[in-house]
């Protein structure tokens, strides 16, 4: 039996640089989520994510530098936010955040 997968809304039109910015940003967010000490229990996995973070942060910086050098001096936040939502950015960006306290019973 096949599952019906809901159709995602289309990505908004982005420049190549904006697409690279979004991709690099989400990769950094994903790595920060894997490093988040309030969510992970595996030091080796967090270490590997931290090591990868360095390279992805450089790629993010380079994506922004290319945009700036090409004269793309403004970030069109409404369009970029729409792209982030299509790419599950809301869920992905919640991973680096410290979760709410579980209450007195959940204290360590």
C-alpha atoms as a PDB file:
ATOM      1  CA  UNK A   1       0.000   0.000   0.000  1.00  0.00           C
ATOM      2  CA  UNK A   2       1.470   3.355  -0.967  1.00  0.00           C
ATOM      3  CA  UNK A   3       1.232   6.409   1.227  1.00  0.00           C
ATOM      4  CA  UNK A   4      -0.011   9.671  -0.158  1.00  0.00           C
ATOM      5  CA  UNK A   5       2.562  12.354   0.529  1.00  0.00           C
ATOM      6  CA  UNK A   6       1.123  15.859   0.735  1.00  0.00           C
ATOM      7  CA  UNK A   7       2.395  18.171  -1.965  1.00  0.00           C
ATOM      8  CA  UNK A   8       4.650  20.898  -0.659  1.00  0.00           C
ATOM      9  CA  UNK A   9       4.145  24.460  -1.778  1.00  0.00           C
ATOM     10  CA  UNK A  10       6.673  25.505  -4.401  1.00  0.00           C
ATOM     11  CA  UNK A  11       9.829  27.263  -3.351  1.00  0.00           C
ATOM     12  CA  UNK A  12       9.747  30.975  -4.101  1.00  0.00           C
ATOM     13  CA  UNK A  13      12.019  32.202  -6.870  1.00  0.00           C
ATOM     14  CA  UNK A  14      15.487  32.714  -5.409  1.00  0.00           C
ATOM     15  CA  UNK A  15      18.768  33.831  -6.875  1.00  0.00           C
ATOM     16  CA  UNK A  16      21.491  31.199  -6.880  1.00  0.00           C
ATOM     17  CA  UNK A  17      23.139  33.102  -4.014  1.00  0.00           C
ATOM     18  CA  UNK A  18      19.918  33.208  -1.985  1.00  0.00           C
ATOM     19  CA  UNK A  19      19.479  29.467  -2.503  1.00  0.00           C
ATOM     20  CA  UNK A  20      23.011  28.865  -1.299  1.00  0.00           C
ATOM     21  CA  UNK A  21      22.401  31.113   1.717  1.00  0.00           C
ATOM     22  CA  UNK A  22      19.255  29.173   2.661  1.00  0.00           C
ATOM     23  CA  UNK A  23      20.970  25.796   2.190  1.00  0.00           C
ATOM     24  CA  UNK A  24      24.014  26.777   4.245  1.00  0.00           C
ATOM     25  CA  UNK A  25      21.891  28.374   6.962  1.00  0.00           C
ATOM     26  CA  UNK A  26      19.772  25.238   7.358  1.00  0.00           C
ATOM     27  CA  UNK A  27      22.858  23.028   7.432  1.00  0.00           C
ATOM     28  CA  UNK A  28      24.282  25.174  10.260  1.00  0.00           C
ATOM     29  CA  UNK A  29      20.954  25.023  12.120  1.00  0.00           C
ATOM     30  CA  UNK A  30      20.837  21.227  11.734  1.00  0.00           C
ATOM     31  CA  UNK A  31      24.366  20.906  13.113  1.00  0.00           C
ATOM     32  CA  UNK A  32      23.612  23.209  16.049  1.00  0.00           C
ATOM     33  CA  UNK A  33      20.609  21.012  16.804  1.00  0.00           C
ATOM     34  CA  UNK A  34      22.856  17.948  16.893  1.00  0.00           C
ATOM     35  CA  UNK A  35      25.275  19.751  19.227  1.00  0.00           C
ATOM     36  CA  UNK A  36      22.593  21.139  21.589  1.00  0.00           C
ATOM     37  CA  UNK A  37      23.522  19.650  24.994  1.00  0.00           C
ATOM     38  CA  UNK A  38      19.921  19.885  26.175  1.00  0.00           C
ATOM     39  CA  UNK A  39      18.812  17.505  23.411  1.00  0.00           C
ATOM     40  CA  UNK A  40      21.690  15.111  22.729  1.00  0.00           C
ATOM     41  CA  UNK A  41      23.154  12.334  24.835  1.00  0.00           C
ATOM     42  CA  UNK A  42      25.997  11.301  22.525  1.00  0.00           C
ATOM     43  CA  UNK A  43      29.270  13.212  22.879  1.00  0.00           C
ATOM     44  CA  UNK A  44      30.800  11.648  19.767  1.00  0.00           C
ATOM     45  CA  UNK A  45      27.866  12.686  17.582  1.00  0.00           C
ATOM     46  CA  UNK A  46      27.967  16.193  19.051  1.00  0.00           C
ATOM     47  CA  UNK A  47      31.733  16.347  18.468  1.00  0.00           C
ATOM     48  CA  UNK A  48      31.325  15.305  14.823  1.00  0.00           C
ATOM     49  CA  UNK A  49      28.601  17.920  14.345  1.00  0.00           C
ATOM     50  CA  UNK A  50      30.803  20.592  15.946  1.00  0.00           C
ATOM     51  CA  UNK A  51      33.661  19.680  13.621  1.00  0.00           C
ATOM     52  CA  UNK A  52      31.370  19.909  10.593  1.00  0.00           C
ATOM     53  CA  UNK A  53      29.946  23.206  11.845  1.00  0.00           C
ATOM     54  CA  UNK A  54      33.228  24.989  11.174  1.00  0.00           C
ATOM     55  CA  UNK A  55      33.111  24.185   7.462  1.00  0.00           C
ATOM     56  CA  UNK A  56      29.423  24.960   7.116  1.00  0.00           C
ATOM     57  CA  UNK A  57      29.861  28.305   8.910  1.00  0.00           C
ATOM     58  CA  UNK A  58      32.586  29.191   6.393  1.00  0.00           C
ATOM     59  CA  UNK A  59      30.243  28.214   3.528  1.00  0.00           C
ATOM     60  CA  UNK A  60      27.511  30.405   5.051  1.00  0.00           C
ATOM     61  CA  UNK A  61      29.930  33.318   5.318  1.00  0.00           C
ATOM     62  CA  UNK A  62      31.007  32.795   1.708  1.00  0.00           C
ATOM     63  CA  UNK A  63      27.401  32.697   0.472  1.00  0.00           C
ATOM     64  CA  UNK A  64      26.774  36.053   2.131  1.00  0.00           C
ATOM     65  CA  UNK A  65      30.053  37.478   0.823  1.00  0.00           C
ATOM     66  CA  UNK A  66      29.168  36.460  -2.742  1.00  0.00           C
ATOM     67  CA  UNK A  67      25.775  38.107  -2.399  1.00  0.00           C
ATOM     68  CA  UNK A  68      27.361  41.300  -1.124  1.00  0.00           C
ATOM     69  CA  UNK A  69      30.015  41.373  -3.861  1.00  0.00           C
ATOM     70  CA  UNK A  70      27.347  40.869  -6.535  1.00  0.00           C
ATOM     71  CA  UNK A  71      25.486  43.880  -5.237  1.00  0.00           C
ATOM     72  CA  UNK A  72      22.785  41.866  -3.480  1.00  0.00           C
ATOM     73  CA  UNK A  73      22.970  44.107  -0.423  1.00  0.00           C
ATOM     74  CA  UNK A  74      19.462  43.462   0.898  1.00  0.00           C
ATOM     75  CA  UNK A  75      18.007  40.237   2.209  1.00  0.00           C
ATOM     76  CA  UNK A  76      14.408  39.855   1.112  1.00  0.00           C
ATOM     77  CA  UNK A  77      13.304  38.398   4.420  1.00  0.00           C
ATOM     78  CA  UNK A  78       9.699  37.690   3.418  1.00  0.00           C
ATOM     79  CA  UNK A  79      10.762  35.588   0.435  1.00  0.00           C
ATOM     80  CA  UNK A  80      13.570  33.902   2.362  1.00  0.00           C
ATOM     81  CA  UNK A  81      11.229  33.123   5.264  1.00  0.00           C
ATOM     82  CA  UNK A  82       8.807  31.505   2.805  1.00  0.00           C
ATOM     83  CA  UNK A  83      11.644  29.366   1.436  1.00  0.00           C
ATOM     84  CA  UNK A  84      12.656  28.373   4.972  1.00  0.00           C
ATOM     85  CA  UNK A  85       9.093  27.313   5.758  1.00  0.00           C
ATOM     86  CA  UNK A  86       8.888  25.164   2.602  1.00  0.00           C
ATOM     87  CA  UNK A  87      12.176  23.511   3.593  1.00  0.00           C
ATOM     88  CA  UNK A  88      10.909  22.710   7.114  1.00  0.00           C
ATOM     89  CA  UNK A  89      12.961  25.520   8.631  1.00  0.00           C
ATOM     90  CA  UNK A  90      10.572  26.083  11.526  1.00  0.00           C
ATOM     91  CA  UNK A  91      10.999  22.542  12.845  1.00  0.00           C
ATOM     92  CA  UNK A  92      14.698  22.434  12.034  1.00  0.00           C
ATOM     93  CA  UNK A  93      15.415  25.762  13.742  1.00  0.00           C
ATOM     94  CA  UNK A  94      13.657  24.628  16.913  1.00  0.00           C
ATOM     95  CA  UNK A  95      16.341  21.967  17.528  1.00  0.00           C
ATOM     96  CA  UNK A  96      19.084  24.373  18.707  1.00  0.00           C
ATOM     97  CA  UNK A  97      16.689  25.968  21.216  1.00  0.00           C
ATOM     98  CA  UNK A  98      16.678  24.863  24.872  1.00  0.00           C
ATOM     99  CA  UNK A  99      13.406  23.016  25.448  1.00  0.00           C
ATOM    100  CA  UNK A 100      11.064  24.251  28.174  1.00  0.00           C
ATOM    101  CA  UNK A 101      11.631  22.860  31.658  1.00  0.00           C
ATOM    102  CA  UNK A 102       9.809  19.619  32.355  1.00  0.00           C
ATOM    103  CA  UNK A 103       8.794  20.776  35.816  1.00  0.00           C
ATOM    104  CA  UNK A 104       9.863  19.545  39.262  1.00  0.00           C
ATOM    105  CA  UNK A 105       9.641  15.866  38.276  1.00  0.00           C
ATOM    106  CA  UNK A 106      11.906  16.365  35.238  1.00  0.00           C
ATOM    107  CA  UNK A 107      14.749  18.006  37.170  1.00  0.00           C
ATOM    108  CA  UNK A 108      18.142  16.322  36.889  1.00  0.00           C
END
